[in-house]
Amino acid sequence: MTKLTLTRASLLAGLVGGALTLTAAPALAARNPAAEQYVQTNASAALQALSDRSSAAAREQAFLRLMIQFADVPRIANYVLGRYAVQLRADAALRREWIAVFQDYSTAVYEDQLDRYRGNSIRVTGSIERVPGQDVIVATEVAPRGQARPLPVRWRILRSGDAWKVLDVSLVLDGNEIWLAQQQQRDFLSQLDRNRGDIRALIASVRATTAEMRARIRARS
């Protein structure tokens, strides 16, 4: 079984075109104040939760609750499987297991990647409506510890009914913009292509990767 790894090298591979495709929008697209406020409130809460060093377990639970509230985890879990997601519609038990495992994994990914921003304030700098009132890219800036220049973080959020939910987040790593859900899809599809679409094998690999990330996060605490 091939172990899945989420490294900066893998994040950087082949993403420039994907990021441009995702964020393409008319030059004069309108801003969305409601989407901006949603990101401001929830992203600030997430960064503050990461700053709590009193208990690693308590911090993980607080961040998990925020992730469930802030992000559309079931939708992202389906998206990252690409064409193999059709298996989930035919097997309810597999779908439940995959969503639970992916939720643990994605929470660890965001906690790991956003840790360098913990405790800092976040400032919304603008937004672009890809679909008016429904699909918005919100641009923010955060000043990491030890660096004077703020780093951009962008959030793609979708509105369903009365609720906004995050679908993807872009970070700048080594000077390149990386959309995390897009990269997760590339990584997962690569592994599924190699193992003939065996989602249960992917689940085992994702669990192992999550455990490694958790150990790394706790070691920094």
C-alpha atoms as a PDB file:
ATOM      1  CA  MET A   1       0.000   0.000   0.000  1.00  0.00           C
ATOM      2  CA  THR A   2       1.310   3.439  -0.927  1.00  0.00           C
ATOM      3  CA  LYS A   3       1.310   5.958   1.886  1.00  0.00           C
ATOM      4  CA  LEU A   4      -0.195   9.321   1.069  1.00  0.00           C
ATOM      5  CA  THR A   5       1.948  12.308   1.959  1.00  0.00           C
ATOM      6  CA  LEU A   6       1.101  15.998   1.839  1.00  0.00           C
ATOM      7  CA  THR A   7       4.418  17.803   1.444  1.00  0.00           C
ATOM      8  CA  ARG A   8       5.291  21.200   0.038  1.00  0.00           C
ATOM      9  CA  ALA A   9       6.826  19.501  -2.970  1.00  0.00           C
ATOM     10  CA  SER A  10       3.603  17.643  -3.744  1.00  0.00           C
ATOM     11  CA  LEU A  11       1.551  20.775  -3.117  1.00  0.00           C
ATOM     12  CA  LEU A  12       3.570  22.731  -5.663  1.00  0.00           C
ATOM     13  CA  ALA A  13       3.281  20.189  -8.465  1.00  0.00           C
ATOM     14  CA  GLY A  14       1.201  21.354 -11.416  1.00  0.00           C
ATOM     15  CA  LEU A  15      -1.104  23.753  -9.575  1.00  0.00           C
ATOM     16  CA  VAL A  16      -0.582  27.053 -11.360  1.00  0.00           C
ATOM     17  CA  GLY A  17      -3.073  26.234 -14.101  1.00  0.00           C
ATOM     18  CA  GLY A  18      -5.604  24.849 -11.622  1.00  0.00           C
ATOM     19  CA  ALA A  19      -5.479  27.940  -9.457  1.00  0.00           C
ATOM     20  CA  LEU A  20      -5.971  30.212 -12.448  1.00  0.00           C
ATOM     21  CA  THR A  21      -8.952  28.165 -13.601  1.00  0.00           C
ATOM     22  CA  LEU A  22     -10.579  28.195 -10.171  1.00  0.00           C
ATOM     23  CA  THR A  23     -10.227  31.912  -9.631  1.00  0.00           C
ATOM     24  CA  ALA A  24     -11.058  33.141 -13.117  1.00  0.00           C
ATOM     25  CA  ALA A  25     -13.733  35.852 -12.922  1.00  0.00           C
ATOM     26  CA  PRO A  26     -14.750  39.025 -14.743  1.00  0.00           C
ATOM     27  CA  ALA A  27     -12.425  41.924 -13.958  1.00  0.00           C
ATOM     28  CA  LEU A  28     -15.273  44.070 -12.633  1.00  0.00           C
ATOM     29  CA  ALA A  29     -17.049  41.357 -10.603  1.00  0.00           C
ATOM     30  CA  ALA A  30     -18.858  42.665  -7.535  1.00  0.00           C
ATOM     31  CA  ARG A  31     -17.719  42.251  -3.941  1.00  0.00           C
ATOM     32  CA  ASN A  32     -19.913  40.398  -1.466  1.00  0.00           C
ATOM     33  CA  PRO A  33     -19.892  41.987   2.027  1.00  0.00           C
ATOM     34  CA  ALA A  34     -21.825  39.113   3.624  1.00  0.00           C
ATOM     35  CA  ALA A  35     -19.279  36.565   2.391  1.00  0.00           C
ATOM     36  CA  GLU A  36     -16.437  38.779   3.571  1.00  0.00           C
ATOM     37  CA  GLN A  37     -17.937  39.070   7.060  1.00  0.00           C
ATOM     38  CA  TYR A  38     -18.472  35.308   7.220  1.00  0.00           C
ATOM     39  CA  VAL A  39     -14.807  34.656   6.482  1.00  0.00           C
ATOM     40  CA  GLN A  40     -13.634  37.425   8.814  1.00  0.00           C
ATOM     41  CA  THR A  41     -15.584  36.000  11.756  1.00  0.00           C
ATOM     42  CA  ASN A  42     -14.889  32.305  11.250  1.00  0.00           C
ATOM     43  CA  ALA A  43     -11.269  32.534  10.096  1.00  0.00           C
ATOM     44  CA  SER A  44     -10.468  34.729  13.094  1.00  0.00           C
ATOM     45  CA  ALA A  45     -12.059  32.162  15.386  1.00  0.00           C
ATOM     46  CA  ALA A  46     -10.039  29.357  13.784  1.00  0.00           C
ATOM     47  CA  LEU A  47      -6.727  31.182  14.196  1.00  0.00           C
ATOM     48  CA  GLN A  48      -7.529  32.003  17.802  1.00  0.00           C
ATOM     49  CA  ALA A  49      -8.411  28.365  18.508  1.00  0.00           C
ATOM     50  CA  LEU A  50      -4.992  27.320  17.223  1.00  0.00           C
ATOM     51  CA  SER A  51      -3.309  29.710  19.667  1.00  0.00           C
ATOM     52  CA  ASP A  52      -4.608  27.758  22.687  1.00  0.00           C
ATOM     53  CA  ARG A  53      -1.628  25.756  23.976  1.00  0.00           C
ATOM     54  CA  SER A  54      -3.227  24.666  27.269  1.00  0.00           C
ATOM     55  CA  SER A  55      -4.221  21.241  25.933  1.00  0.00           C
ATOM     56  CA  ALA A  56      -3.531  19.635  22.546  1.00  0.00           C
ATOM     57  CA  ALA A  57      -6.675  17.492  22.822  1.00  0.00           C
ATOM     58  CA  ALA A  58      -8.873  20.477  23.702  1.00  0.00           C
ATOM     59  CA  ARG A  59      -7.390  22.512  20.850  1.00  0.00           C
ATOM     60  CA  GLU A  60      -8.015  19.704  18.367  1.00  0.00           C
ATOM     61  CA  GLN A  61     -11.642  19.388  19.465  1.00  0.00           C
ATOM     62  CA  ALA A  62     -12.222  23.141  19.283  1.00  0.00           C
ATOM     63  CA  PHE A  63     -10.686  23.331  15.811  1.00  0.00           C
ATOM     64  CA  LEU A  64     -12.728  20.302  14.673  1.00  0.00           C
ATOM     65  CA  ARG A  65     -15.961  21.992  15.784  1.00  0.00           C
ATOM     66  CA  LEU A  66     -14.994  25.111  13.855  1.00  0.00           C
ATOM     67  CA  MET A  67     -14.130  23.074  10.761  1.00  0.00           C
ATOM     68  CA  ILE A  68     -17.507  21.326  10.801  1.00  0.00           C
ATOM     69  CA  GLN A  69     -19.238  24.703  11.120  1.00  0.00           C
ATOM     70  CA  PHE A  70     -17.001  26.578   8.653  1.00  0.00           C
ATOM     71  CA  ALA A  71     -16.388  24.060   5.847  1.00  0.00           C
ATOM     72  CA  ASP A  72     -18.651  21.876   3.721  1.00  0.00           C
ATOM     73  CA  VAL A  73     -16.780  18.692   4.600  1.00  0.00           C
ATOM     74  CA  PRO A  74     -19.164  16.194   2.900  1.00  0.00           C
ATOM     75  CA  ARG A  75     -19.039  18.163  -0.354  1.00  0.00           C
ATOM     76  CA  ILE A  76     -15.253  18.464  -0.268  1.00  0.00           C
ATOM     77  CA  ALA A  77     -14.937  14.761   0.595  1.00  0.00           C
ATOM     78  CA  ASN A  78     -16.930  13.932  -2.529  1.00  0.00           C
ATOM     79  CA  TYR A  79     -15.001  16.423  -4.698  1.00  0.00           C
ATOM     80  CA  VAL A  80     -11.530  15.138  -3.818  1.00  0.00           C
ATOM     81  CA  LEU A  81     -12.396  11.635  -5.082  1.00  0.00           C
ATOM     82  CA  GLY A  82     -13.146  12.925  -8.564  1.00  0.00           C
ATOM     83  CA  ARG A  83     -14.584  10.250 -10.847  1.00  0.00           C
ATOM     84  CA  TYR A  84     -14.260   7.614  -8.105  1.00  0.00           C
ATOM     85  CA  ALA A  85     -16.882   9.372  -5.955  1.00  0.00           C
ATOM     86  CA  VAL A  86     -19.564   7.438  -7.839  1.00  0.00           C
ATOM     87  CA  GLN A  87     -18.752   4.476  -5.550  1.00  0.00           C
ATOM     88  CA  LEU A  88     -20.076   6.423  -2.564  1.00  0.00           C
ATOM     89  CA  ARG A  89     -23.542   6.698  -4.087  1.00  0.00           C
ATOM     90  CA  ALA A  90     -23.754   2.923  -4.342  1.00  0.00           C
ATOM     91  CA  ASP A  91     -22.409   2.142  -0.846  1.00  0.00           C
ATOM     92  CA  ALA A  92     -23.808   4.190   2.049  1.00  0.00           C
ATOM     93  CA  ALA A  93     -21.505   2.565   4.621  1.00  0.00           C
ATOM     94  CA  LEU A  94     -18.434   3.369   2.529  1.00  0.00           C
ATOM     95  CA  ARG A  95     -19.643   6.943   2.123  1.00  0.00           C
ATOM     96  CA  ARG A  96     -20.057   7.397   5.885  1.00  0.00           C
ATOM     97  CA  GLU A  97     -16.646   5.899   6.580  1.00  0.00           C
ATOM     98  CA  TRP A  98     -14.910   8.011   3.932  1.00  0.00           C
ATOM     99  CA  ILE A  99     -16.497  11.280   5.111  1.00  0.00           C
ATOM    100  CA  ALA A 100     -15.493  10.568   8.727  1.00  0.00           C
ATOM    101  CA  VAL A 101     -11.904   9.696   7.770  1.00  0.00           C
ATOM    102  CA  PHE A 102     -11.627  12.661   5.413  1.00  0.00           C
ATOM    103  CA  GLN A 103     -12.996  14.994   8.089  1.00  0.00           C
ATOM    104  CA  ASP A 104     -10.235  13.923  10.492  1.00  0.00           C
ATOM    105  CA  TYR A 105      -7.644  14.236   7.734  1.00  0.00           C
ATOM    106  CA  SER A 106      -8.750  17.642   6.439  1.00  0.00           C
ATOM    107  CA  THR A 107      -8.957  19.044   9.970  1.00  0.00           C
ATOM    108  CA  ALA A 108      -5.363  17.937  10.565  1.00  0.00           C
ATOM    109  CA  VAL A 109      -4.265  19.407   7.203  1.00  0.00           C
ATOM    110  CA  TYR A 110      -5.768  22.807   7.950  1.00  0.00           C
ATOM    111  CA  GLU A 111      -4.474  22.773  11.512  1.00  0.00           C
ATOM    112  CA  ASP A 112      -0.994  21.885  10.257  1.00  0.00           C
ATOM    113  CA  GLN A 113      -0.953  24.449   7.433  1.00  0.00           C
ATOM    114  CA  LEU A 114      -2.589  27.277   9.409  1.00  0.00           C
ATOM    115  CA  ASP A 115      -0.493  26.752  12.541  1.00  0.00           C
ATOM    116  CA  ARG A 116       2.040  29.370  11.425  1.00  0.00           C
ATOM    117  CA  TYR A 117      -0.791  31.933  11.428  1.00  0.00           C
ATOM    118  CA  ARG A 118      -2.131  31.081  14.907  1.00  0.00           C
ATOM    119  CA  GLY A 119      -2.825  33.944  17.243  1.00  0.00           C
ATOM    120  CA  ASN A 120      -2.568  36.559  14.500  1.00  0.00           C
ATOM    121  CA  SER A 121      -5.325  38.803  13.278  1.00  0.00           C
ATOM    122  CA  ILE A 122      -6.774  38.321   9.821  1.00  0.00           C
ATOM    123  CA  ARG A 123      -7.932  41.135   7.546  1.00  0.00           C
ATOM    124  CA  VAL A 124     -10.305  40.811   4.617  1.00  0.00           C
ATOM    125  CA  THR A 125      -8.973  42.734   1.610  1.00  0.00           C
ATOM    126  CA  GLY A 126     -11.727  42.059  -0.899  1.00  0.00           C
ATOM    127  CA  SER A 127     -13.883  39.487  -2.647  1.00  0.00           C
ATOM    128  CA  ILE A 128     -14.956  38.448  -6.136  1.00  0.00           C
ATOM    129  CA  GLU A 129     -18.320  36.899  -6.937  1.00  0.00           C
ATOM    130  CA  ARG A 130     -17.847  33.977  -9.305  1.00  0.00           C
ATOM    131  CA  VAL A 131     -21.620  33.397  -9.181  1.00  0.00           C
ATOM    132  CA  PRO A 132     -23.506  36.369  -7.692  1.00  0.00           C
ATOM    133  CA  GLY A 133     -24.667  35.624  -4.159  1.00  0.00           C
ATOM    134  CA  GLN A 134     -23.598  31.976  -4.329  1.00  0.00           C
ATOM    135  CA  ASP A 135     -19.926  31.395  -5.168  1.00  0.00           C
ATOM    136  CA  VAL A 136     -17.370  33.890  -3.840  1.00  0.00           C
ATOM    137  CA  ILE A 137     -13.594  34.121  -3.485  1.00  0.00           C
ATOM    138  CA  VAL A 138     -12.732  36.119  -0.346  1.00  0.00           C
ATOM    139  CA  ALA A 139      -9.196  37.516  -0.124  1.00  0.00           C
ATOM    140  CA  THR A 140      -7.547  37.981   3.271  1.00  0.00           C
ATOM    141  CA  GLU A 141      -4.135  38.837   4.689  1.00  0.00           C
ATOM    142  CA  VAL A 142      -2.438  37.428   7.778  1.00  0.00           C
ATOM    143  CA  ALA A 143       0.905  38.458   9.258  1.00  0.00           C
ATOM    144  CA  PRO A 144       2.785  35.276  10.297  1.00  0.00           C
ATOM    145  CA  ARG A 145       5.026  35.232  13.340  1.00  0.00           C
ATOM    146  CA  GLY A 146       8.497  36.636  12.651  1.00  0.00           C
ATOM    147  CA  GLN A 147       7.582  38.141   9.283  1.00  0.00           C
ATOM    148  CA  ALA A 148       6.709  41.773   8.595  1.00  0.00           C
ATOM    149  CA  ARG A 149       4.986  41.177   5.265  1.00  0.00           C
ATOM    150  CA  PRO A 150       1.407  39.828   5.471  1.00  0.00           C
ATOM    151  CA  LEU A 151       0.704  36.645   3.543  1.00  0.00           C
ATOM    152  CA  PRO A 152      -2.398  36.246   1.384  1.00  0.00           C
ATOM    153  CA  VAL A 153      -4.936  33.523   2.169  1.00  0.00           C
ATOM    154  CA  ARG A 154      -7.968  33.152  -0.107  1.00  0.00           C
ATOM    155  CA  TRP A 155     -11.186  31.334   0.699  1.00  0.00           C
ATOM    156  CA  ARG A 156     -13.663  29.961  -1.817  1.00  0.00           C
ATOM    157  CA  ILE A 157     -17.091  29.854  -0.188  1.00  0.00           C
ATOM    158  CA  LEU A 158     -20.442  28.653  -1.486  1.00  0.00           C
ATOM    159  CA  ARG A 159     -23.896  29.584  -0.279  1.00  0.00           C
ATOM    160  CA  SER A 160     -26.567  26.914   0.133  1.00  0.00           C
ATOM    161  CA  GLY A 161     -29.870  28.217   1.459  1.00  0.00           C
ATOM    162  CA  ASP A 162     -29.058  30.573   4.322  1.00  0.00           C
ATOM    163  CA  ALA A 163     -25.587  29.160   5.026  1.00  0.00           C
ATOM    164  CA  TRP A 164     -22.129  29.941   3.667  1.00  0.00           C
ATOM    165  CA  LYS A 165     -19.564  27.124   3.669  1.00  0.00           C
ATOM    166  CA  VAL A 166     -15.890  26.993   2.700  1.00  0.00           C
ATOM    167  CA  LEU A 167     -15.087  24.737  -0.247  1.00  0.00           C
ATOM    168  CA  ASP A 168     -11.369  25.444  -0.637  1.00  0.00           C
ATOM    169  CA  VAL A 169      -8.547  27.553   0.796  1.00  0.00           C
ATOM    170  CA  SER A 170      -5.462  28.840  -0.983  1.00  0.00           C
ATOM    171  CA  LEU A 171      -2.159  29.445   0.785  1.00  0.00           C
ATOM    172  CA  VAL A 172       1.106  30.811  -0.578  1.00  0.00           C
ATOM    173  CA  LEU A 173       3.885  28.261  -0.095  1.00  0.00           C
ATOM    174  CA  ASP A 174       7.384  28.990  -1.398  1.00  0.00           C
ATOM    175  CA  GLY A 175       5.976  31.832  -3.476  1.00  0.00           C
ATOM    176  CA  ASN A 176       3.275  29.730  -5.142  1.00  0.00           C
ATOM    177  CA  GLU A 177      -0.473  29.847  -4.550  1.00  0.00           C
ATOM    178  CA  ILE A 178      -1.832  26.416  -3.616  1.00  0.00           C
ATOM    179  CA  TRP A 179      -5.521  25.491  -3.445  1.00  0.00           C
ATOM    180  CA  LEU A 180      -5.595  22.680  -0.885  1.00  0.00           C
ATOM    181  CA  ALA A 181      -8.714  20.766  -2.007  1.00  0.00           C
ATOM    182  CA  GLN A 182      -7.486  20.774  -5.603  1.00  0.00           C
ATOM    183  CA  GLN A 183      -4.165  19.319  -4.528  1.00  0.00           C
ATOM    184  CA  GLN A 184      -5.869  16.729  -2.333  1.00  0.00           C
ATOM    185  CA  GLN A 185      -7.914  15.637  -5.351  1.00  0.00           C
ATOM    186  CA  ARG A 186      -4.741  15.265  -7.436  1.00  0.00           C
ATOM    187  CA  ASP A 187      -3.047  13.226  -4.710  1.00  0.00           C
ATOM    188  CA  PHE A 188      -6.053  10.978  -4.120  1.00  0.00           C
ATOM    189  CA  LEU A 189      -6.727  10.394  -7.817  1.00  0.00           C
ATOM    190  CA  SER A 190      -3.094   9.436  -8.337  1.00  0.00           C
ATOM    191  CA  GLN A 191      -3.317   6.817  -5.602  1.00  0.00           C
ATOM    192  CA  LEU A 192      -6.729   5.530  -6.710  1.00  0.00           C
ATOM    193  CA  ASP A 193      -5.500   5.193 -10.283  1.00  0.00           C
ATOM    194  CA  ARG A 194      -2.634   3.032  -9.008  1.00  0.00           C
ATOM    195  CA  ASN A 195      -4.791   0.809  -6.794  1.00  0.00           C
ATOM    196  CA  ARG A 196      -7.638   0.293  -9.283  1.00  0.00           C
ATOM    197  CA  GLY A 197     -10.026   2.629  -7.500  1.00  0.00           C
ATOM    198  CA  ASP A 198      -9.883   0.916  -4.103  1.00  0.00           C
ATOM    199  CA  ILE A 199     -11.309   3.575  -1.768  1.00  0.00           C
ATOM    200  CA  ARG A 200     -10.836   1.361   1.299  1.00  0.00           C
ATOM    201  CA  ALA A 201      -7.113   1.195   0.564  1.00  0.00           C
ATOM    202  CA  LEU A 202      -7.129   4.986   0.258  1.00  0.00           C
ATOM    203  CA  ILE A 203      -8.910   5.203   3.621  1.00  0.00           C
ATOM    204  CA  ALA A 204      -6.133   3.181   5.276  1.00  0.00           C
ATOM    205  CA  SER A 205      -3.503   5.428   3.706  1.00  0.00           C
ATOM    206  CA  VAL A 206      -5.311   8.620   4.746  1.00  0.00           C
ATOM    207  CA  ARG A 207      -5.641   7.353   8.322  1.00  0.00           C
ATOM    208  CA  ALA A 208      -1.886   6.734   8.461  1.00  0.00           C
ATOM    209  CA  THR A 209      -1.142  10.185   7.065  1.00  0.00           C
ATOM    210  CA  THR A 210      -3.511  11.803   9.571  1.00  0.00           C
ATOM    211  CA  ALA A 211      -1.761  10.037  12.454  1.00  0.00           C
ATOM    212  CA  GLU A 212       1.620  11.327  11.231  1.00  0.00           C
ATOM    213  CA  MET A 213       0.316  14.890  10.960  1.00  0.00           C
ATOM    214  CA  ARG A 214      -1.223  14.704  14.426  1.00  0.00           C
ATOM    215  CA  ALA A 215       2.102  13.564  15.881  1.00  0.00           C
ATOM    216  CA  ARG A 216       3.888  16.445  14.146  1.00  0.00           C
ATOM    217  CA  ILE A 217       1.335  19.016  15.342  1.00  0.00           C
ATOM    218  CA  ARG A 218       1.500  17.776  18.934  1.00  0.00           C
ATOM    219  CA  ALA A 219       5.291  17.848  18.869  1.00  0.00           C
ATOM    220  CA  ARG A 220       5.155  21.581  18.115  1.00  0.00           C
ATOM    221  CA  SER A 221       2.828  22.279  21.022  1.00  0.00           C
END
